Amino acid sequence: MSSITKKDLVEKVADRTGLTQVDTKIVTERFLGALSTALEQGKNVEIRGFGRFKIKERKARTARNPRTNEPVEVKDGYKPVFEAARELTKRVNDKLQHTIQEELTVNS
């Protein structure tokens, strides 16, 4: 599976909405900025039907450097995480399963 960049996203939204790419880029960057600011303030952001962005606390721990196998102390901190909504998870699973079935049928 390939990735979609912010530029790709801006192009797709601009094509579907009729907005210019410049306007769409501004809206996209403002949205992402507002999302980032909320997370920086320790707030969760819920987008119904899509998912929830939240902050997860990580405790301090001892890890291992995979190259040297030496122990490394990892400080405690916070990590932004995304939890997909049931609706999004279902849509993704249904679409990917349908796509895989089509590929199997074509390749048979």
N, C-alpha and C. Protein backbone atom coordinates (compact mmCIF):
# COMPACT_ATOMS: atom_id res chain seq x y z
N MET A 1 0.83 -1.18 0.00
CA MET A 1 0.00 0.00 0.00
C MET A 1 0.88 1.24 0.00
N SER A 2 0.44 2.22 -0.72
CA SER A 2 1.21 3.45 -0.81
C SER A 2 0.66 4.49 0.16
N SER A 3 1.39 5.56 0.32
CA SER A 3 0.98 6.64 1.22
C SER A 3 0.44 7.81 0.41
N ILE A 4 -0.38 8.62 1.05
CA ILE A 4 -0.87 9.86 0.46
C ILE A 4 -0.25 11.00 1.25
N THR A 5 0.35 11.92 0.56
CA THR A 5 0.97 13.07 1.22
C THR A 5 -0.05 14.18 1.44
N LYS A 6 0.34 15.18 2.20
CA LYS A 6 -0.55 16.34 2.41
C LYS A 6 -0.86 17.00 1.07
N LYS A 7 0.12 17.06 0.20
CA LYS A 7 -0.08 17.65 -1.13
C LYS A 7 -1.14 16.87 -1.91
N ASP A 8 -1.06 15.53 -1.87
CA ASP A 8 -2.06 14.68 -2.56
C ASP A 8 -3.44 14.94 -1.99
N LEU A 9 -3.52 15.03 -0.67
CA LEU A 9 -4.80 15.28 -0.01
C LEU A 9 -5.39 16.62 -0.44
N VAL A 10 -4.55 17.64 -0.46
CA VAL A 10 -4.99 18.98 -0.89
C VAL A 10 -5.52 18.92 -2.32
N GLU A 11 -4.81 18.24 -3.21
CA GLU A 11 -5.25 18.13 -4.60
C GLU A 11 -6.61 17.44 -4.70
N LYS A 12 -6.80 16.34 -3.97
CA LYS A 12 -8.06 15.60 -4.02
C LYS A 12 -9.22 16.44 -3.49
N VAL A 13 -9.00 17.11 -2.36
CA VAL A 13 -10.07 17.94 -1.79
C VAL A 13 -10.39 19.10 -2.72
N ALA A 14 -9.37 19.73 -3.28
CA ALA A 14 -9.60 20.86 -4.20
C ALA A 14 -10.40 20.40 -5.42
N ASP A 15 -10.07 19.24 -5.97
CA ASP A 15 -10.80 18.71 -7.12
C ASP A 15 -12.27 18.46 -6.79
N ARG A 16 -12.53 17.93 -5.59
CA ARG A 16 -13.91 17.57 -5.22
C ARG A 16 -14.74 18.76 -4.79
N THR A 17 -14.10 19.80 -4.27
CA THR A 17 -14.87 20.93 -3.74
C THR A 17 -14.94 22.12 -4.69
N GLY A 18 -14.03 22.17 -5.65
CA GLY A 18 -14.00 23.32 -6.55
C GLY A 18 -13.20 24.48 -5.98
N LEU A 19 -12.66 24.31 -4.77
CA LEU A 19 -11.79 25.34 -4.20
C LEU A 19 -10.44 25.29 -4.89
N THR A 20 -9.70 26.38 -4.79
CA THR A 20 -8.35 26.36 -5.34
C THR A 20 -7.46 25.52 -4.43
N GLN A 21 -6.35 25.06 -4.97
CA GLN A 21 -5.42 24.30 -4.14
C GLN A 21 -4.82 25.18 -3.05
N VAL A 22 -4.63 26.46 -3.35
CA VAL A 22 -4.08 27.39 -2.35
C VAL A 22 -5.05 27.50 -1.16
N ASP A 23 -6.34 27.71 -1.45
CA ASP A 23 -7.33 27.81 -0.38
C ASP A 23 -7.45 26.50 0.39
N THR A 24 -7.45 25.41 -0.33
CA THR A 24 -7.55 24.10 0.31
C THR A 24 -6.34 23.83 1.19
N LYS A 25 -5.16 24.23 0.73
CA LYS A 25 -3.95 24.05 1.54
C LYS A 25 -4.04 24.87 2.83
N ILE A 26 -4.55 26.09 2.74
CA ILE A 26 -4.69 26.94 3.92
C ILE A 26 -5.65 26.29 4.93
N VAL A 27 -6.79 25.81 4.46
CA VAL A 27 -7.76 25.17 5.33
C VAL A 27 -7.16 23.92 5.97
N THR A 28 -6.49 23.10 5.17
CA THR A 28 -5.87 21.88 5.66
C THR A 28 -4.83 22.18 6.73
N GLU A 29 -3.97 23.17 6.48
CA GLU A 29 -2.94 23.51 7.45
C GLU A 29 -3.53 24.11 8.73
N ARG A 30 -4.59 24.89 8.60
CA ARG A 30 -5.25 25.44 9.79
C ARG A 30 -5.91 24.33 10.60
N PHE A 31 -6.54 23.37 9.90
CA PHE A 31 -7.16 22.24 10.60
C PHE A 31 -6.10 21.45 11.37
N LEU A 32 -5.01 21.11 10.69
CA LEU A 32 -3.95 20.35 11.35
C LEU A 32 -3.31 21.15 12.48
N GLY A 33 -3.21 22.46 12.31
CA GLY A 33 -2.68 23.31 13.37
C GLY A 33 -3.59 23.32 14.59
N ALA A 34 -4.89 23.43 14.37
CA ALA A 34 -5.85 23.41 15.48
C ALA A 34 -5.83 22.06 16.19
N LEU A 35 -5.71 20.98 15.42
CA LEU A 35 -5.61 19.64 15.99
C LEU A 35 -4.36 19.52 16.85
N SER A 36 -3.23 19.99 16.33
CA SER A 36 -1.97 19.94 17.07
C SER A 36 -2.03 20.77 18.34
N THR A 37 -2.60 21.96 18.26
CA THR A 37 -2.71 22.84 19.42
C THR A 37 -3.56 22.19 20.51
N ALA A 38 -4.68 21.58 20.13
CA ALA A 38 -5.53 20.91 21.11
C ALA A 38 -4.78 19.78 21.80
N LEU A 39 -4.04 18.99 21.03
CA LEU A 39 -3.26 17.89 21.62
C LEU A 39 -2.17 18.43 22.54
N GLU A 40 -1.52 19.53 22.14
CA GLU A 40 -0.48 20.13 22.97
C GLU A 40 -1.06 20.60 24.31
N GLN A 41 -2.33 20.95 24.32
CA GLN A 41 -3.00 21.40 25.54
C GLN A 41 -3.57 20.22 26.34
N GLY A 42 -3.31 19.01 25.87
CA GLY A 42 -3.78 17.82 26.58
C GLY A 42 -5.23 17.47 26.31
N LYS A 43 -5.82 18.06 25.28
CA LYS A 43 -7.22 17.80 24.94
C LYS A 43 -7.33 16.68 23.92
N ASN A 44 -8.40 15.92 24.02
CA ASN A 44 -8.72 14.93 22.99
C ASN A 44 -9.51 15.61 21.89
N VAL A 45 -9.39 15.12 20.67
CA VAL A 45 -10.15 15.66 19.54
C VAL A 45 -10.92 14.49 18.93
N GLU A 46 -12.25 14.60 18.95
CA GLU A 46 -13.09 13.54 18.41
C GLU A 46 -13.80 14.04 17.15
N ILE A 47 -13.67 13.27 16.09
CA ILE A 47 -14.38 13.56 14.84
C ILE A 47 -15.31 12.37 14.62
N ARG A 48 -16.59 12.60 14.89
CA ARG A 48 -17.56 11.50 14.85
C ARG A 48 -17.54 10.79 13.49
N GLY A 49 -17.55 9.46 13.57
CA GLY A 49 -17.53 8.65 12.36
C GLY A 49 -16.14 8.45 11.78
N PHE A 50 -15.17 9.19 12.29
CA PHE A 50 -13.79 9.08 11.79
C PHE A 50 -12.87 8.50 12.86
N GLY A 51 -12.80 9.19 13.99
CA GLY A 51 -11.97 8.68 15.06
C GLY A 51 -11.64 9.74 16.08
N ARG A 52 -10.72 9.38 16.98
CA ARG A 52 -10.36 10.27 18.07
C ARG A 52 -8.84 10.34 18.18
N PHE A 53 -8.35 11.57 18.28
CA PHE A 53 -6.94 11.81 18.55
C PHE A 53 -6.83 12.10 20.03
N LYS A 54 -5.88 11.46 20.70
CA LYS A 54 -5.73 11.70 22.12
C LYS A 54 -4.26 11.58 22.52
N ILE A 55 -3.99 11.96 23.75
CA ILE A 55 -2.64 11.89 24.28
C ILE A 55 -2.56 10.70 25.22
N LYS A 56 -1.51 9.91 25.06
CA LYS A 56 -1.30 8.75 25.91
C LYS A 56 -0.02 8.96 26.70
N GLU A 57 -0.09 8.69 27.99
CA GLU A 57 1.09 8.85 28.84
C GLU A 57 1.99 7.62 28.70
N ARG A 58 3.28 7.87 28.55
CA ARG A 58 4.25 6.77 28.52
C ARG A 58 5.10 6.84 29.78
N LYS A 59 5.24 5.72 30.44
CA LYS A 59 6.04 5.67 31.65
C LYS A 59 7.51 5.49 31.30
N ALA A 60 8.38 5.92 32.20
CA ALA A 60 9.81 5.70 32.01
C ALA A 60 10.08 4.19 32.01
N ARG A 61 11.04 3.79 31.24
CA ARG A 61 11.35 2.35 31.16
C ARG A 61 12.78 2.16 30.70
N THR A 62 13.24 0.94 30.82
CA THR A 62 14.54 0.57 30.30
C THR A 62 14.32 -0.23 29.03
N ALA A 63 14.93 0.24 27.94
CA ALA A 63 14.83 -0.44 26.65
C ALA A 63 16.22 -0.96 26.27
N ARG A 64 16.32 -1.57 25.12
CA ARG A 64 17.62 -2.07 24.64
C ARG A 64 17.91 -1.48 23.28
N ASN A 65 19.15 -1.08 23.10
CA ASN A 65 19.61 -0.62 21.79
C ASN A 65 19.73 -1.87 20.92
N PRO A 66 19.00 -1.94 19.80
CA PRO A 66 19.03 -3.16 18.99
C PRO A 66 20.38 -3.44 18.34
N ARG A 67 21.20 -2.42 18.13
CA ARG A 67 22.51 -2.63 17.51
C ARG A 67 23.54 -3.16 18.50
N THR A 68 23.52 -2.57 19.70
CA THR A 68 24.55 -2.94 20.68
C THR A 68 24.03 -3.84 21.78
N ASN A 69 22.72 -3.97 21.87
CA ASN A 69 22.05 -4.75 22.90
C ASN A 69 22.27 -4.18 24.31
N GLU A 70 22.73 -2.94 24.39
CA GLU A 70 22.95 -2.30 25.68
C GLU A 70 21.65 -1.69 26.18
N PRO A 71 21.44 -1.66 27.50
CA PRO A 71 20.24 -1.03 28.03
C PRO A 71 20.27 0.49 27.85
N VAL A 72 19.10 1.05 27.57
CA VAL A 72 18.96 2.49 27.38
C VAL A 72 17.76 2.95 28.22
N GLU A 73 17.95 4.01 28.99
CA GLU A 73 16.86 4.55 29.79
C GLU A 73 16.00 5.46 28.90
N VAL A 74 14.70 5.19 28.86
CA VAL A 74 13.77 6.00 28.10
C VAL A 74 12.94 6.81 29.11
N LYS A 75 12.93 8.13 28.95
CA LYS A 75 12.21 9.00 29.88
C LYS A 75 10.70 8.85 29.70
N ASP A 76 9.98 9.23 30.74
CA ASP A 76 8.53 9.25 30.62
C ASP A 76 8.13 10.41 29.72
N GLY A 77 6.91 10.38 29.26
CA GLY A 77 6.45 11.45 28.37
C GLY A 77 5.06 11.16 27.86
N TYR A 78 4.69 11.86 26.83
CA TYR A 78 3.37 11.73 26.24
C TYR A 78 3.49 11.45 24.76
N LYS A 79 2.48 10.74 24.24
CA LYS A 79 2.51 10.34 22.83
C LYS A 79 1.13 10.55 22.24
N PRO A 80 1.03 11.26 21.11
CA PRO A 80 -0.29 11.38 20.47
C PRO A 80 -0.64 10.06 19.78
N VAL A 81 -1.89 9.65 19.94
CA VAL A 81 -2.36 8.41 19.31
C VAL A 81 -3.70 8.68 18.62
N PHE A 82 -4.02 7.83 17.66
CA PHE A 82 -5.29 7.92 16.94
C PHE A 82 -6.04 6.61 17.13
N GLU A 83 -7.30 6.73 17.50
CA GLU A 83 -8.18 5.57 17.61
C GLU A 83 -9.28 5.72 16.56
N ALA A 84 -9.33 4.82 15.62
CA ALA A 84 -10.34 4.90 14.55
C ALA A 84 -11.73 4.59 15.11
N ALA A 85 -12.73 5.29 14.59
CA ALA A 85 -14.12 5.02 14.95
C ALA A 85 -14.56 3.70 14.32
N ARG A 86 -15.58 3.10 14.91
CA ARG A 86 -16.09 1.83 14.37
C ARG A 86 -16.48 1.98 12.91
N GLU A 87 -17.12 3.11 12.57
CA GLU A 87 -17.56 3.32 11.20
C GLU A 87 -16.39 3.33 10.22
N LEU A 88 -15.30 4.01 10.60
CA LEU A 88 -14.12 4.06 9.74
C LEU A 88 -13.48 2.68 9.61
N THR A 89 -13.37 1.99 10.73
CA THR A 89 -12.78 0.64 10.71
C THR A 89 -13.59 -0.28 9.80
N LYS A 90 -14.91 -0.19 9.90
CA LYS A 90 -15.76 -1.03 9.06
C LYS A 90 -15.59 -0.68 7.58
N ARG A 91 -15.60 0.61 7.26
CA ARG A 91 -15.43 1.03 5.86
C ARG A 91 -14.11 0.55 5.29
N VAL A 92 -13.03 0.70 6.06
CA VAL A 92 -11.71 0.27 5.59
C VAL A 92 -11.69 -1.24 5.38
N ASN A 93 -12.18 -1.98 6.35
CA ASN A 93 -12.19 -3.44 6.22
C ASN A 93 -13.04 -3.90 5.05
N ASP A 94 -14.24 -3.33 4.92
CA ASP A 94 -15.12 -3.73 3.82
C ASP A 94 -14.47 -3.45 2.47
N LYS A 95 -13.88 -2.26 2.32
CA LYS A 95 -13.27 -1.87 1.05
C LYS A 95 -12.05 -2.75 0.74
N LEU A 96 -11.17 -2.94 1.73
CA LEU A 96 -9.98 -3.74 1.47
C LEU A 96 -10.33 -5.21 1.20
N GLN A 97 -11.30 -5.74 1.93
CA GLN A 97 -11.69 -7.13 1.67
C GLN A 97 -12.30 -7.27 0.28
N HIS A 98 -13.09 -6.28 -0.14
CA HIS A 98 -13.68 -6.30 -1.48
C HIS A 98 -12.58 -6.22 -2.55
N THR A 99 -11.59 -5.34 -2.33
CA THR A 99 -10.49 -5.19 -3.28
C THR A 99 -9.67 -6.47 -3.38
N ILE A 100 -9.40 -7.10 -2.25
CA ILE A 100 -8.63 -8.35 -2.25
C ILE A 100 -9.40 -9.45 -2.97
N GLN A 101 -10.72 -9.53 -2.73
CA GLN A 101 -11.53 -10.53 -3.42
C GLN A 101 -11.51 -10.32 -4.93
N GLU A 102 -11.58 -9.05 -5.37
CA GLU A 102 -11.50 -8.77 -6.81
C GLU A 102 -10.17 -9.19 -7.39
N GLU A 103 -9.08 -8.93 -6.67
CA GLU A 103 -7.76 -9.31 -7.15
C GLU A 103 -7.63 -10.83 -7.25
N LEU A 104 -8.17 -11.53 -6.26
CA LEU A 104 -8.13 -13.00 -6.29
C LEU A 104 -8.93 -13.53 -7.47
N THR A 105 -10.07 -12.91 -7.75
CA THR A 105 -10.91 -13.35 -8.86
C THR A 105 -10.22 -13.11 -10.20
N VAL A 106 -9.56 -11.95 -10.35
CA VAL A 106 -8.88 -11.60 -11.58
C VAL A 106 -7.67 -12.52 -11.80
N ASN A 107 -6.96 -12.83 -10.73
CA ASN A 107 -5.74 -13.64 -10.84
C ASN A 107 -6.02 -15.15 -10.92
N SER A 108 -7.27 -15.56 -10.74
CA SER A 108 -7.59 -16.99 -10.79
C SER A 108 -7.71 -17.50 -12.18
